[in-house]
N, C-alpha and C. Protein backbone atom coordinates (compact mmCIF):
# COMPACT_ATOMS: atom_id res chain seq x y z
N MET A 1 -1.48 -7.41 -16.43
CA MET A 1 -1.40 -6.79 -15.12
C MET A 1 -2.09 -7.70 -14.11
N ASN A 2 -1.59 -7.69 -12.90
CA ASN A 2 -2.02 -8.61 -11.86
C ASN A 2 -2.93 -7.90 -10.85
N PHE A 3 -4.09 -8.52 -10.55
CA PHE A 3 -5.05 -7.98 -9.57
C PHE A 3 -5.53 -9.12 -8.66
N PRO A 4 -4.73 -9.49 -7.65
CA PRO A 4 -5.11 -10.62 -6.79
C PRO A 4 -6.50 -10.43 -6.17
N ALA A 5 -7.27 -11.50 -6.21
CA ALA A 5 -8.66 -11.46 -5.73
C ALA A 5 -8.76 -11.38 -4.22
N ASP A 6 -7.69 -11.73 -3.49
CA ASP A 6 -7.76 -11.73 -2.03
C ASP A 6 -7.45 -10.37 -1.41
N LEU A 7 -7.23 -9.36 -2.24
CA LEU A 7 -6.89 -8.03 -1.75
C LEU A 7 -8.06 -7.07 -1.88
N ARG A 8 -7.97 -5.96 -1.16
CA ARG A 8 -8.89 -4.84 -1.31
C ARG A 8 -8.07 -3.69 -1.89
N TYR A 9 -8.73 -2.79 -2.62
CA TYR A 9 -8.03 -1.76 -3.38
C TYR A 9 -8.65 -0.39 -3.15
N THR A 10 -7.83 0.66 -3.40
CA THR A 10 -8.31 2.04 -3.29
C THR A 10 -8.18 2.74 -4.63
N SER A 11 -8.89 3.84 -4.78
CA SER A 11 -8.78 4.63 -6.00
C SER A 11 -7.43 5.33 -6.10
N GLU A 12 -6.68 5.37 -4.99
CA GLU A 12 -5.33 5.95 -4.98
C GLU A 12 -4.27 4.88 -5.31
N HIS A 13 -4.73 3.67 -5.66
CA HIS A 13 -3.88 2.58 -6.13
C HIS A 13 -3.03 1.93 -5.04
N GLU A 14 -3.59 1.88 -3.83
CA GLU A 14 -3.00 1.07 -2.77
C GLU A 14 -3.82 -0.21 -2.63
N TRP A 15 -3.17 -1.25 -2.11
CA TRP A 15 -3.88 -2.49 -1.82
C TRP A 15 -3.75 -2.79 -0.32
N LEU A 16 -4.65 -3.64 0.16
CA LEU A 16 -4.66 -4.02 1.58
C LEU A 16 -5.01 -5.49 1.67
N ARG A 17 -4.27 -6.20 2.53
CA ARG A 17 -4.54 -7.62 2.80
C ARG A 17 -4.58 -7.79 4.32
N ILE A 18 -5.67 -8.34 4.85
CA ILE A 18 -5.73 -8.68 6.27
C ILE A 18 -4.93 -9.97 6.46
N THR A 19 -3.97 -9.95 7.38
CA THR A 19 -3.13 -11.13 7.58
C THR A 19 -3.58 -11.95 8.78
N GLU A 20 -3.95 -11.28 9.86
CA GLU A 20 -4.50 -11.98 11.03
C GLU A 20 -5.22 -10.97 11.90
N GLY A 21 -6.39 -11.37 12.39
CA GLY A 21 -7.16 -10.47 13.24
C GLY A 21 -7.41 -9.14 12.55
N ASN A 22 -6.91 -8.06 13.16
CA ASN A 22 -7.11 -6.73 12.58
C ASN A 22 -5.78 -6.14 12.05
N ILE A 23 -4.82 -7.01 11.73
CA ILE A 23 -3.54 -6.56 11.18
C ILE A 23 -3.59 -6.65 9.65
N ALA A 24 -3.23 -5.56 9.01
CA ALA A 24 -3.25 -5.50 7.55
C ALA A 24 -1.86 -5.17 7.01
N VAL A 25 -1.56 -5.72 5.85
CA VAL A 25 -0.37 -5.36 5.09
C VAL A 25 -0.86 -4.48 3.95
N ILE A 26 -0.11 -3.40 3.67
CA ILE A 26 -0.51 -2.43 2.66
C ILE A 26 0.65 -2.16 1.72
N GLY A 27 0.32 -1.98 0.45
CA GLY A 27 1.33 -1.64 -0.55
C GLY A 27 0.68 -0.91 -1.71
N VAL A 28 1.46 -0.72 -2.77
CA VAL A 28 0.91 -0.09 -3.98
C VAL A 28 0.65 -1.18 -5.02
N THR A 29 -0.31 -0.94 -5.88
CA THR A 29 -0.72 -1.94 -6.86
C THR A 29 0.29 -2.08 -8.00
N ASP A 30 0.13 -3.15 -8.73
CA ASP A 30 0.93 -3.40 -9.92
C ASP A 30 0.75 -2.25 -10.91
N PHE A 31 -0.48 -1.76 -11.06
CA PHE A 31 -0.75 -0.62 -11.93
C PHE A 31 0.03 0.61 -11.48
N ALA A 32 0.00 0.89 -10.18
CA ALA A 32 0.70 2.07 -9.65
C ALA A 32 2.20 2.00 -9.90
N GLN A 33 2.81 0.85 -9.62
CA GLN A 33 4.25 0.75 -9.81
C GLN A 33 4.62 0.87 -11.28
N SER A 34 3.75 0.37 -12.18
CA SER A 34 4.06 0.48 -13.60
C SER A 34 3.93 1.92 -14.09
N GLU A 35 2.98 2.65 -13.52
CA GLU A 35 2.81 4.07 -13.89
C GLU A 35 3.95 4.93 -13.34
N LEU A 36 4.44 4.60 -12.15
CA LEU A 36 5.52 5.37 -11.54
C LEU A 36 6.85 5.13 -12.25
N GLY A 37 7.07 3.94 -12.72
CA GLY A 37 8.36 3.59 -13.32
C GLY A 37 9.31 3.09 -12.25
N ASP A 38 10.60 3.15 -12.54
CA ASP A 38 11.61 2.61 -11.62
C ASP A 38 11.61 3.35 -10.29
N ILE A 39 11.29 2.63 -9.22
CA ILE A 39 11.23 3.22 -7.89
C ILE A 39 12.63 3.19 -7.28
N VAL A 40 13.07 4.37 -6.81
CA VAL A 40 14.43 4.50 -6.30
C VAL A 40 14.50 4.76 -4.80
N PHE A 41 13.37 5.14 -4.18
CA PHE A 41 13.39 5.46 -2.76
C PHE A 41 11.97 5.39 -2.20
N VAL A 42 11.84 4.82 -1.02
CA VAL A 42 10.57 4.78 -0.30
C VAL A 42 10.81 5.43 1.06
N GLU A 43 10.02 6.45 1.39
CA GLU A 43 10.17 7.14 2.67
C GLU A 43 8.88 7.02 3.47
N ILE A 44 8.99 6.33 4.60
CA ILE A 44 7.85 6.16 5.50
C ILE A 44 8.37 6.40 6.92
N GLU A 45 7.91 7.48 7.52
CA GLU A 45 8.37 7.85 8.87
C GLU A 45 7.20 7.95 9.83
N THR A 46 6.20 7.11 9.63
CA THR A 46 4.98 7.20 10.44
C THR A 46 4.80 6.01 11.38
N VAL A 47 5.83 5.18 11.57
CA VAL A 47 5.71 4.04 12.47
C VAL A 47 5.34 4.52 13.87
N GLY A 48 4.35 3.86 14.45
CA GLY A 48 3.88 4.22 15.79
C GLY A 48 2.76 5.25 15.78
N GLN A 49 2.51 5.85 14.63
CA GLN A 49 1.46 6.87 14.54
C GLN A 49 0.12 6.24 14.18
N THR A 50 -0.94 6.82 14.70
CA THR A 50 -2.29 6.44 14.32
C THR A 50 -2.79 7.48 13.34
N LEU A 51 -3.20 7.02 12.17
CA LEU A 51 -3.61 7.92 11.10
C LEU A 51 -5.04 7.63 10.68
N ALA A 52 -5.69 8.63 10.11
CA ALA A 52 -7.03 8.47 9.58
C ALA A 52 -6.97 7.85 8.19
N ALA A 53 -8.08 7.32 7.75
CA ALA A 53 -8.17 6.81 6.38
C ALA A 53 -7.88 7.93 5.41
N ASN A 54 -7.15 7.62 4.36
CA ASN A 54 -6.76 8.55 3.29
C ASN A 54 -5.71 9.57 3.70
N GLU A 55 -5.17 9.43 4.90
CA GLU A 55 -4.09 10.31 5.33
C GLU A 55 -2.78 9.81 4.71
N ILE A 56 -1.86 10.71 4.43
CA ILE A 56 -0.57 10.34 3.84
C ILE A 56 0.30 9.64 4.88
N PHE A 57 0.79 8.44 4.54
CA PHE A 57 1.67 7.72 5.47
C PHE A 57 3.11 7.67 4.99
N GLY A 58 3.38 8.15 3.80
CA GLY A 58 4.74 8.15 3.28
C GLY A 58 4.77 8.61 1.84
N THR A 59 5.96 8.48 1.23
CA THR A 59 6.11 8.82 -0.18
C THR A 59 6.95 7.76 -0.87
N VAL A 60 6.77 7.67 -2.15
CA VAL A 60 7.58 6.80 -2.99
C VAL A 60 8.16 7.67 -4.10
N GLU A 61 9.47 7.51 -4.32
CA GLU A 61 10.16 8.31 -5.32
C GLU A 61 10.59 7.41 -6.47
N ALA A 62 10.17 7.81 -7.65
CA ALA A 62 10.60 7.12 -8.87
C ALA A 62 11.58 8.03 -9.59
N VAL A 63 12.14 7.55 -10.68
CA VAL A 63 13.13 8.32 -11.42
C VAL A 63 12.60 9.70 -11.81
N LYS A 64 11.32 9.77 -12.21
CA LYS A 64 10.77 11.02 -12.73
C LYS A 64 9.76 11.73 -11.83
N THR A 65 9.38 11.12 -10.70
CA THR A 65 8.32 11.73 -9.90
C THR A 65 8.39 11.26 -8.44
N VAL A 66 7.70 11.99 -7.58
CA VAL A 66 7.49 11.59 -6.19
C VAL A 66 5.98 11.51 -5.99
N SER A 67 5.52 10.44 -5.34
CA SER A 67 4.10 10.25 -5.14
C SER A 67 3.81 9.96 -3.67
N ASP A 68 2.73 10.56 -3.15
CA ASP A 68 2.30 10.31 -1.79
C ASP A 68 1.66 8.93 -1.69
N LEU A 69 1.76 8.35 -0.50
CA LEU A 69 1.13 7.07 -0.18
C LEU A 69 -0.01 7.35 0.80
N PHE A 70 -1.20 6.88 0.48
CA PHE A 70 -2.39 7.15 1.29
C PHE A 70 -2.84 5.89 2.02
N LEU A 71 -3.09 6.02 3.31
CA LEU A 71 -3.55 4.89 4.11
C LEU A 71 -4.99 4.56 3.74
N PRO A 72 -5.27 3.32 3.33
CA PRO A 72 -6.63 2.96 2.91
C PRO A 72 -7.69 3.01 4.01
N VAL A 73 -7.28 2.71 5.24
CA VAL A 73 -8.21 2.69 6.38
C VAL A 73 -7.50 3.29 7.60
N ALA A 74 -8.27 3.74 8.56
CA ALA A 74 -7.69 4.30 9.78
C ALA A 74 -7.00 3.20 10.58
N GLY A 75 -5.87 3.55 11.18
CA GLY A 75 -5.18 2.58 12.01
C GLY A 75 -3.81 3.06 12.43
N LYS A 76 -3.13 2.21 13.18
CA LYS A 76 -1.80 2.51 13.70
C LYS A 76 -0.75 1.80 12.86
N ILE A 77 0.25 2.55 12.39
CA ILE A 77 1.34 1.99 11.61
C ILE A 77 2.25 1.21 12.57
N LEU A 78 2.32 -0.09 12.37
CA LEU A 78 3.10 -0.95 13.26
C LEU A 78 4.52 -1.19 12.77
N GLU A 79 4.68 -1.29 11.45
CA GLU A 79 5.97 -1.70 10.90
C GLU A 79 6.09 -1.22 9.46
N VAL A 80 7.31 -0.89 9.07
CA VAL A 80 7.64 -0.58 7.69
C VAL A 80 8.47 -1.75 7.16
N ASN A 81 8.28 -2.09 5.92
CA ASN A 81 9.06 -3.16 5.30
C ASN A 81 10.53 -2.76 5.32
N PRO A 82 11.37 -3.42 6.12
CA PRO A 82 12.77 -3.02 6.24
C PRO A 82 13.57 -3.24 4.96
N ALA A 83 13.13 -4.15 4.11
CA ALA A 83 13.86 -4.45 2.87
C ALA A 83 13.83 -3.29 1.89
N LEU A 84 12.82 -2.40 2.00
CA LEU A 84 12.70 -1.30 1.04
C LEU A 84 13.80 -0.25 1.19
N ALA A 85 14.42 -0.18 2.36
CA ALA A 85 15.50 0.81 2.57
C ALA A 85 16.66 0.56 1.61
N SER A 86 17.02 -0.70 1.42
CA SER A 86 18.14 -1.01 0.55
C SER A 86 17.71 -1.56 -0.81
N ASN A 87 16.45 -1.94 -0.94
CA ASN A 87 15.95 -2.52 -2.19
C ASN A 87 14.58 -1.95 -2.57
N PRO A 88 14.48 -0.64 -2.85
CA PRO A 88 13.17 -0.07 -3.19
C PRO A 88 12.57 -0.67 -4.46
N GLU A 89 13.42 -1.26 -5.30
CA GLU A 89 12.93 -1.86 -6.54
C GLU A 89 12.05 -3.08 -6.30
N LEU A 90 11.99 -3.58 -5.06
CA LEU A 90 11.06 -4.65 -4.73
C LEU A 90 9.61 -4.25 -5.02
N VAL A 91 9.32 -2.96 -4.90
CA VAL A 91 7.97 -2.48 -5.20
C VAL A 91 7.65 -2.72 -6.67
N ASN A 92 8.62 -2.51 -7.55
CA ASN A 92 8.42 -2.78 -8.98
C ASN A 92 8.38 -4.28 -9.26
N ASN A 93 9.27 -5.03 -8.65
CA ASN A 93 9.43 -6.45 -8.97
C ASN A 93 8.37 -7.35 -8.36
N ASP A 94 7.85 -6.99 -7.20
CA ASP A 94 6.90 -7.85 -6.48
C ASP A 94 5.97 -6.99 -5.61
N PRO A 95 5.12 -6.18 -6.25
CA PRO A 95 4.31 -5.22 -5.48
C PRO A 95 3.36 -5.86 -4.46
N TYR A 96 2.91 -7.10 -4.70
CA TYR A 96 1.97 -7.75 -3.79
C TYR A 96 2.64 -8.71 -2.82
N GLY A 97 3.95 -8.84 -2.91
CA GLY A 97 4.69 -9.75 -2.05
C GLY A 97 5.78 -9.02 -1.30
N GLU A 98 7.02 -9.22 -1.72
CA GLU A 98 8.19 -8.63 -1.05
C GLU A 98 8.21 -7.10 -1.09
N GLY A 99 7.41 -6.50 -1.96
CA GLY A 99 7.38 -5.03 -2.07
C GLY A 99 6.31 -4.35 -1.23
N TRP A 100 5.78 -5.05 -0.22
CA TRP A 100 4.79 -4.43 0.67
C TRP A 100 5.40 -3.22 1.37
N MET A 101 4.56 -2.29 1.81
CA MET A 101 5.04 -1.05 2.43
C MET A 101 4.97 -1.05 3.95
N VAL A 102 3.77 -1.25 4.50
CA VAL A 102 3.58 -1.16 5.95
C VAL A 102 2.62 -2.23 6.46
N LYS A 103 2.74 -2.49 7.77
CA LYS A 103 1.75 -3.28 8.49
C LYS A 103 1.01 -2.32 9.41
N VAL A 104 -0.30 -2.48 9.46
CA VAL A 104 -1.17 -1.56 10.18
C VAL A 104 -2.15 -2.32 11.06
N GLU A 105 -2.37 -1.79 12.26
CA GLU A 105 -3.44 -2.29 13.12
C GLU A 105 -4.69 -1.50 12.76
N VAL A 106 -5.64 -2.17 12.11
CA VAL A 106 -6.83 -1.52 11.57
C VAL A 106 -7.82 -1.20 12.68
N ASP A 107 -8.33 0.03 12.69
CA ASP A 107 -9.30 0.45 13.69
C ASP A 107 -10.66 -0.21 13.52
N ASP A 108 -11.12 -0.35 12.26
CA ASP A 108 -12.47 -0.83 11.98
C ASP A 108 -12.44 -1.76 10.78
N LEU A 109 -12.61 -3.05 11.01
CA LEU A 109 -12.56 -4.02 9.92
C LEU A 109 -13.67 -3.81 8.89
N ALA A 110 -14.77 -3.19 9.28
CA ALA A 110 -15.84 -2.90 8.32
C ALA A 110 -15.33 -1.96 7.22
N ALA A 111 -14.39 -1.09 7.56
CA ALA A 111 -13.83 -0.16 6.57
C ALA A 111 -13.06 -0.91 5.49
N VAL A 112 -12.48 -2.05 5.85
CA VAL A 112 -11.76 -2.86 4.86
C VAL A 112 -12.76 -3.38 3.82
N GLU A 113 -13.89 -3.87 4.30
CA GLU A 113 -14.90 -4.42 3.39
C GLU A 113 -15.47 -3.34 2.46
N ALA A 114 -15.39 -2.09 2.86
CA ALA A 114 -15.90 -1.00 2.04
C ALA A 114 -14.96 -0.65 0.87
N LEU A 115 -13.72 -1.15 0.93
CA LEU A 115 -12.78 -0.90 -0.16
C LEU A 115 -13.17 -1.74 -1.38
N MET A 116 -12.59 -1.41 -2.53
CA MET A 116 -12.92 -2.11 -3.77
C MET A 116 -12.35 -3.53 -3.79
N ASP A 117 -13.11 -4.43 -4.40
CA ASP A 117 -12.56 -5.75 -4.67
C ASP A 117 -11.81 -5.69 -6.00
N SER A 118 -11.23 -6.80 -6.40
CA SER A 118 -10.40 -6.86 -7.59
C SER A 118 -11.16 -6.41 -8.85
N ALA A 119 -12.37 -6.88 -9.02
CA ALA A 119 -13.16 -6.53 -10.21
C ALA A 119 -13.46 -5.05 -10.26
N ALA A 120 -13.85 -4.48 -9.14
CA ALA A 120 -14.16 -3.04 -9.10
C ALA A 120 -12.92 -2.21 -9.40
N TYR A 121 -11.77 -2.62 -8.84
CA TYR A 121 -10.53 -1.89 -9.09
C TYR A 121 -10.15 -1.95 -10.58
N GLN A 122 -10.28 -3.11 -11.18
CA GLN A 122 -9.97 -3.23 -12.60
C GLN A 122 -10.84 -2.31 -13.44
N ASN A 123 -12.08 -2.12 -13.03
CA ASN A 123 -13.00 -1.25 -13.77
C ASN A 123 -12.57 0.21 -13.73
N ILE A 124 -11.90 0.65 -12.66
CA ILE A 124 -11.52 2.08 -12.61
C ILE A 124 -10.22 2.38 -13.34
N ILE A 125 -9.45 1.34 -13.64
CA ILE A 125 -8.24 1.62 -14.39
C ILE A 125 -8.40 1.14 -15.81
């Protein structure tokens, strides 16, 4: 299983990468996608909304279950990965790359540092 060291992680199995300034890319971890199984649909209708940390920003549907997606830090949802509409399996195939979920303008960068690093995340799973 893959746990990139440049990411931050949550106990809800989301990851976060700061790309520039206070813009973050968020997705689900390799562990999460493997537990969910084949992902068939991603629904995110929160673009333009400002949400609190741990608030639900969407859902992911796998063959056997539907799971909520939780925002790791407070911020404004700027963009949803457009490729997921026609290729939700990208989450399974490349969870840390092409399978990203949303881009977010982070309210407080200190909150990012409070998330788990790779080693801490590996310890909880």
